[in-house]
Protein backbone atom coordinates (compact mmCIF):
# COMPACT_ATOMS: atom_id res chain seq x y z
CA TYR A 1 -0.23 9.04 3.36
CA CYS A 2 0.52 5.35 3.18
CA PHE A 3 0.10 2.82 5.97
CA TYR A 4 -0.84 -0.72 6.90
CA ASP A 5 -2.73 -1.90 9.96
CA SER A 6 -2.54 -4.97 12.20
CA GLN A 7 -4.86 -7.01 9.95
CA ASP A 8 -2.63 -6.23 6.98
CA LEU A 9 0.38 -7.27 9.03
CA ASP A 10 -1.29 -10.55 9.99
CA ARG A 11 -1.87 -11.22 6.30
CA ALA A 12 1.76 -10.46 5.51
CA LEU A 13 2.93 -12.78 8.29
CA ASP A 14 0.85 -15.53 6.65
CA ASN A 15 2.75 -14.89 3.37
CA GLU A 16 -0.33 -13.42 1.69
CA GLY A 17 1.33 -10.16 0.67
CA LEU A 18 0.88 -6.74 2.22
CA LEU A 19 -1.96 -4.31 1.56
CA LEU A 20 -1.24 -0.59 1.87
CA ALA A 21 -3.84 2.09 2.42
CA HIS A 22 -3.10 5.36 0.63
CA GLY A 23 -4.41 8.81 -0.12
CA HIS A 24 -3.94 12.52 0.03
CA VAL A 25 -3.53 13.90 3.57
CA ASP A 26 -6.44 16.28 3.08
CA ARG A 27 -8.84 13.41 2.42
CA SER A 28 -12.05 15.42 2.52
CA GLU A 29 -10.91 18.31 0.31
CA ALA A 30 -8.68 16.52 -2.22
CA GLU A 31 -10.01 15.45 -5.60
CA ASP A 32 -9.71 11.86 -6.84
CA ALA A 33 -6.86 12.90 -9.14
CA GLN A 34 -4.82 14.01 -6.12
CA HIS A 35 -5.42 10.71 -4.32
CA ILE A 36 -4.46 8.82 -7.48
CA ALA A 37 -1.27 10.89 -7.87
CA VAL A 38 -0.23 9.97 -4.32
CA ALA A 39 -0.86 6.26 -4.96
CA GLN A 40 1.03 6.40 -8.26
CA ALA A 41 4.03 7.97 -6.52
CA ILE A 42 3.92 5.24 -3.86
CA CYS A 43 3.71 2.50 -6.50
CA GLU A 44 6.60 4.02 -8.43
CA ALA A 45 8.80 4.24 -5.33
CA LEU A 46 8.01 0.65 -4.35
CA GLY A 47 8.71 -0.56 -7.87
CA GLN A 48 12.05 1.25 -7.93
CA GLU A 49 12.99 -0.73 -4.83
CA GLY A 50 12.29 -3.96 -6.70
CA LEU A 51 8.93 -4.79 -5.13
CA GLU A 52 6.11 -6.27 -7.18
CA VAL A 53 3.19 -3.85 -7.01
CA ASP A 54 -0.43 -4.61 -7.88
CA TRP A 55 -2.88 -1.70 -7.99
CA ASN A 56 -5.73 -1.07 -10.43
CA GLY A 57 -5.62 2.73 -10.27
CA SER A 58 -8.77 3.06 -8.16
CA THR A 59 -8.98 5.23 -5.07
CA ASN A 60 -11.17 2.47 -3.58
CA ARG A 61 -8.53 -0.23 -3.85
CA ARG A 62 -5.45 -0.61 -1.70
CA ILE A 63 -1.99 -1.09 -3.10
CA ASN A 64 -1.00 -4.74 -2.90
CA LEU A 65 2.52 -6.13 -2.55
CA PRO A 66 1.55 -9.72 -3.42
CA THR A 67 4.97 -11.33 -3.21
CA LEU A 68 6.28 -9.50 -0.16
CA ARG A 69 7.84 -11.87 2.36
CA TRP A 70 7.85 -10.41 5.86
CA GLN A 71 11.30 -11.23 7.25
CA ARG A 72 11.20 -9.75 10.72
CA ARG A 73 8.48 -10.49 13.21
CA SER A 74 6.87 -7.48 14.78
CA PRO A 75 6.54 -7.19 18.53
CA VAL A 76 3.21 -8.39 19.84
């Protein structure tokens, strides 16, 4: 999975980048390597779309899109 929440969106609207949570769908049963593989696939896909991606490879750290500029305001 990969998602962001309202606090992440607020940060993005303030031009502070966007943080993405990530992990294997079966969170409780999956090993760290499976969670890391999911995050690596997400980072690769984002990079292929030309986005700057910052992630240290840890399951405890979110994926950061530090230079993302949110262009469309979300409904309140």
